[in-house]
Amino acid sequence: QVQLQESGPGLMNSSQTLSLTCTVSGDSITTNFYYWNWIRQPPGKGLEWIGAIASSGNTIYSSSLNSRTSISRDTSKNHFTLQLSSVTPEDTAVYYCARGRQYGSSKWSRYEFWGQGTQVTVSS
């Protein structure tokens, strides 16, 4: 019932700001106890948690990406967004949004619903 869908540019130039939107259906992003997460997977590497916005609107970011990350939401449209500034080719990855009752990178099975992922390629 719960579905998430990522949207945004597939190609980026270095130094620009990446903006992705996750549109949610089947549940409200304000539903208590859930975190709405952004996760990515670079080519040939494992999943990396980026950050999340809680149902309350509070945000939490990965320490390694904190300085470049901003997550916000539009409750009227039931979507949340990721902005990642100053991108480089190292930010090339498949980006996912996902719902979970926790945040972080240690227990991926706790994320119940995932978007299909969207490929983002950053050129130098």
C-alpha atoms as a PDB file:
ATOM      1  CA  GLN A   1       0.000   0.000   0.000  1.00  0.00           C
ATOM      2  CA  VAL A   2       2.802   2.396   0.851  1.00  0.00           C
ATOM      3  CA  GLN A   3       4.715   3.506  -2.194  1.00  0.00           C
ATOM      4  CA  LEU A   4       7.618   5.882  -2.571  1.00  0.00           C
ATOM      5  CA  GLN A   5       8.959   7.318  -5.772  1.00  0.00           C
ATOM      6  CA  GLU A   6      12.113   9.335  -6.312  1.00  0.00           C
ATOM      7  CA  SER A   7      12.371  12.018  -8.938  1.00  0.00           C
ATOM      8  CA  GLY A   8      15.037  14.445 -10.001  1.00  0.00           C
ATOM      9  CA  PRO A   9      17.842  14.955 -12.474  1.00  0.00           C
ATOM     10  CA  GLY A  10      19.823  11.986 -13.666  1.00  0.00           C
ATOM     11  CA  LEU A  11      22.866  14.013 -14.643  1.00  0.00           C
ATOM     12  CA  MET A  12      24.664  16.698 -12.683  1.00  0.00           C
ATOM     13  CA  ASN A  13      27.751  18.807 -13.029  1.00  0.00           C
ATOM     14  CA  SER A  14      30.296  19.048 -10.261  1.00  0.00           C
ATOM     15  CA  SER A  15      29.828  21.850  -7.728  1.00  0.00           C
ATOM     16  CA  GLN A  16      26.080  22.043  -8.278  1.00  0.00           C
ATOM     17  CA  THR A  17      23.365  21.192  -5.789  1.00  0.00           C
ATOM     18  CA  LEU A  18      21.485  17.951  -6.253  1.00  0.00           C
ATOM     19  CA  SER A  19      17.780  18.137  -5.535  1.00  0.00           C
ATOM     20  CA  LEU A  20      15.664  14.993  -5.333  1.00  0.00           C
ATOM     21  CA  THR A  21      12.043  14.569  -4.359  1.00  0.00           C
ATOM     22  CA  CYS A  22      10.388  11.529  -2.828  1.00  0.00           C
ATOM     23  CA  THR A  23       6.658  11.362  -3.383  1.00  0.00           C
ATOM     24  CA  VAL A  24       4.785   9.141  -0.937  1.00  0.00           C
ATOM     25  CA  SER A  25       1.426   7.481  -1.420  1.00  0.00           C
ATOM     26  CA  GLY A  26      -0.527   5.204   0.887  1.00  0.00           C
ATOM     27  CA  ASP A  27       0.643   6.906   4.069  1.00  0.00           C
ATOM     28  CA  SER A  28       1.211  10.383   5.381  1.00  0.00           C
ATOM     29  CA  ILE A  29       4.750  11.543   5.999  1.00  0.00           C
ATOM     30  CA  THR A  30       3.462  13.003   9.249  1.00  0.00           C
ATOM     31  CA  THR A  31       2.428   9.595  10.607  1.00  0.00           C
ATOM     32  CA  ASN A  32       3.891   9.154  14.078  1.00  0.00           C
ATOM     33  CA  PHE A  33       7.023   7.084  14.756  1.00  0.00           C
ATOM     34  CA  TYR A  34       8.379   6.922  11.225  1.00  0.00           C
ATOM     35  CA  TYR A  35      11.480   8.360   9.665  1.00  0.00           C
ATOM     36  CA  TRP A  36      11.601   9.219   6.005  1.00  0.00           C
ATOM     37  CA  ASN A  37      15.089   8.483   4.795  1.00  0.00           C
ATOM     38  CA  TRP A  38      17.447   9.126   1.947  1.00  0.00           C
ATOM     39  CA  ILE A  39      19.912   6.343   1.170  1.00  0.00           C
ATOM     40  CA  ARG A  40      22.336   5.922  -1.694  1.00  0.00           C
ATOM     41  CA  GLN A  41      24.477   3.234  -3.262  1.00  0.00           C
ATOM     42  CA  PRO A  42      27.559   4.204  -5.273  1.00  0.00           C
ATOM     43  CA  PRO A  43      28.633   1.848  -8.064  1.00  0.00           C
ATOM     44  CA  GLY A  44      30.213  -1.280  -6.645  1.00  0.00           C
ATOM     45  CA  LYS A  45      29.680  -0.178  -3.056  1.00  0.00           C
ATOM     46  CA  GLY A  46      27.210  -0.774  -0.285  1.00  0.00           C
ATOM     47  CA  LEU A  47      24.280   1.284   0.841  1.00  0.00           C
ATOM     48  CA  GLU A  48      25.017   4.561   2.569  1.00  0.00           C
ATOM     49  CA  TRP A  49      22.524   6.348   4.748  1.00  0.00           C
ATOM     50  CA  ILE A  50      22.353  10.059   4.027  1.00  0.00           C
ATOM     51  CA  GLY A  51      19.762  11.428   6.392  1.00  0.00           C
ATOM     52  CA  ALA A  52      16.124  11.480   7.358  1.00  0.00           C
ATOM     53  CA  ILE A  53      13.221  13.624   8.324  1.00  0.00           C
ATOM     54  CA  ALA A  54      10.996  12.395  11.117  1.00  0.00           C
ATOM     55  CA  SER A  55       7.233  12.539  11.168  1.00  0.00           C
ATOM     56  CA  SER A  56       7.590  15.535  13.459  1.00  0.00           C
ATOM     57  CA  GLY A  57       9.683  17.368  10.883  1.00  0.00           C
ATOM     58  CA  ASN A  58      12.966  16.999  12.758  1.00  0.00           C
ATOM     59  CA  THR A  59      15.947  16.142  10.581  1.00  0.00           C
ATOM     60  CA  ILE A  60      18.951  13.902  11.170  1.00  0.00           C
ATOM     61  CA  TYR A  61      21.982  13.682   8.906  1.00  0.00           C
ATOM     62  CA  SER A  62      24.927  11.390   8.407  1.00  0.00           C
ATOM     63  CA  SER A  63      28.020  12.819  10.049  1.00  0.00           C
ATOM     64  CA  SER A  64      30.019  12.432   6.861  1.00  0.00           C
ATOM     65  CA  LEU A  65      27.516  14.343   4.746  1.00  0.00           C
ATOM     66  CA  ASN A  66      26.037  16.682   7.312  1.00  0.00           C
ATOM     67  CA  SER A  67      27.683  19.827   6.020  1.00  0.00           C
ATOM     68  CA  ARG A  68      26.280  19.332   2.521  1.00  0.00           C
ATOM     69  CA  THR A  69      22.855  17.851   3.248  1.00  0.00           C
ATOM     70  CA  SER A  70      19.447  19.379   3.734  1.00  0.00           C
ATOM     71  CA  ILE A  71      16.186  17.463   3.957  1.00  0.00           C
ATOM     72  CA  SER A  72      12.822  19.162   3.953  1.00  0.00           C
ATOM     73  CA  ARG A  73       9.213  18.306   3.283  1.00  0.00           C
ATOM     74  CA  ASP A  74       5.979  19.574   1.853  1.00  0.00           C
ATOM     75  CA  THR A  75       3.166  17.994   3.814  1.00  0.00           C
ATOM     76  CA  SER A  76       0.499  19.349   1.481  1.00  0.00           C
ATOM     77  CA  LYS A  77       2.056  17.336  -1.346  1.00  0.00           C
ATOM     78  CA  ASN A  78       3.129  14.457   0.899  1.00  0.00           C
ATOM     79  CA  HIS A  79       6.681  14.493  -0.310  1.00  0.00           C
ATOM     80  CA  PHE A  80      10.112  15.154   1.098  1.00  0.00           C
ATOM     81  CA  THR A  81      13.218  16.396  -0.609  1.00  0.00           C
ATOM     82  CA  LEU A  82      16.965  15.959  -0.494  1.00  0.00           C
ATOM     83  CA  GLN A  83      19.406  18.693  -1.323  1.00  0.00           C
ATOM     84  CA  LEU A  84      23.059  17.768  -1.532  1.00  0.00           C
ATOM     85  CA  SER A  85      25.333  20.663  -2.288  1.00  0.00           C
ATOM     86  CA  SER A  86      28.741  20.841  -3.952  1.00  0.00           C
ATOM     87  CA  VAL A  87      28.437  17.474  -5.604  1.00  0.00           C
ATOM     88  CA  THR A  88      31.419  15.676  -7.097  1.00  0.00           C
ATOM     89  CA  PRO A  89      31.740  12.462  -9.115  1.00  0.00           C
ATOM     90  CA  GLU A  90      32.031  10.648  -5.779  1.00  0.00           C
ATOM     91  CA  ASP A  91      28.362  11.452  -5.250  1.00  0.00           C
ATOM     92  CA  THR A  92      27.421   9.363  -8.270  1.00  0.00           C
ATOM     93  CA  ALA A  93      25.038   6.719  -6.990  1.00  0.00           C
ATOM     94  CA  VAL A  94      21.575   5.279  -7.062  1.00  0.00           C
ATOM     95  CA  TYR A  95      19.545   7.320  -4.621  1.00  0.00           C
ATOM     96  CA  TYR A  96      16.674   5.801  -2.688  1.00  0.00           C
ATOM     97  CA  CYS A  97      14.036   7.104  -0.372  1.00  0.00           C
ATOM     98  CA  ALA A  98      12.685   4.749   2.259  1.00  0.00           C
ATOM     99  CA  ARG A  99      10.426   4.630   5.285  1.00  0.00           C
ATOM    100  CA  GLY A 100      11.583   3.127   8.535  1.00  0.00           C
ATOM    101  CA  ARG A 101      11.061   3.171  12.253  1.00  0.00           C
ATOM    102  CA  GLN A 102      14.706   4.098  12.745  1.00  0.00           C
ATOM    103  CA  TYR A 103      17.516   5.839  10.939  1.00  0.00           C
ATOM    104  CA  GLY A 104      21.103   5.015  10.126  1.00  0.00           C
ATOM    105  CA  SER A 105      22.933   2.440   8.044  1.00  0.00           C
ATOM    106  CA  SER A 106      23.188  -0.599  10.292  1.00  0.00           C
ATOM    107  CA  LYS A 107      19.847  -2.336   9.834  1.00  0.00           C
ATOM    108  CA  TRP A 108      18.536  -2.038   6.319  1.00  0.00           C
ATOM    109  CA  SER A 109      15.861  -4.641   6.970  1.00  0.00           C
ATOM    110  CA  ARG A 110      14.166  -2.175   9.284  1.00  0.00           C
ATOM    111  CA  TYR A 111      13.288  -0.010   6.328  1.00  0.00           C
ATOM    112  CA  GLU A 112       9.929  -1.395   5.290  1.00  0.00           C
ATOM    113  CA  PHE A 113       9.286   0.483   2.092  1.00  0.00           C
ATOM    114  CA  TRP A 114      11.684   1.702  -0.559  1.00  0.00           C
ATOM    115  CA  GLY A 115      11.417   3.646  -3.737  1.00  0.00           C
ATOM    116  CA  GLN A 116      12.721   2.087  -6.917  1.00  0.00           C
ATOM    117  CA  GLY A 117      15.823   4.257  -6.807  1.00  0.00           C
ATOM    118  CA  THR A 118      17.017   6.877  -9.225  1.00  0.00           C
ATOM    119  CA  GLN A 119      20.436   7.013 -10.830  1.00  0.00           C
ATOM    120  CA  VAL A 120      22.355  10.234 -10.365  1.00  0.00           C
ATOM    121  CA  THR A 121      25.574  10.693 -12.281  1.00  0.00           C
ATOM    122  CA  VAL A 122      27.872  13.597 -11.485  1.00  0.00           C
ATOM    123  CA  SER A 123      30.354  14.619 -14.128  1.00  0.00           C
ATOM    124  CA  SER A 124      33.565  16.478 -13.469  1.00  0.00           C
END
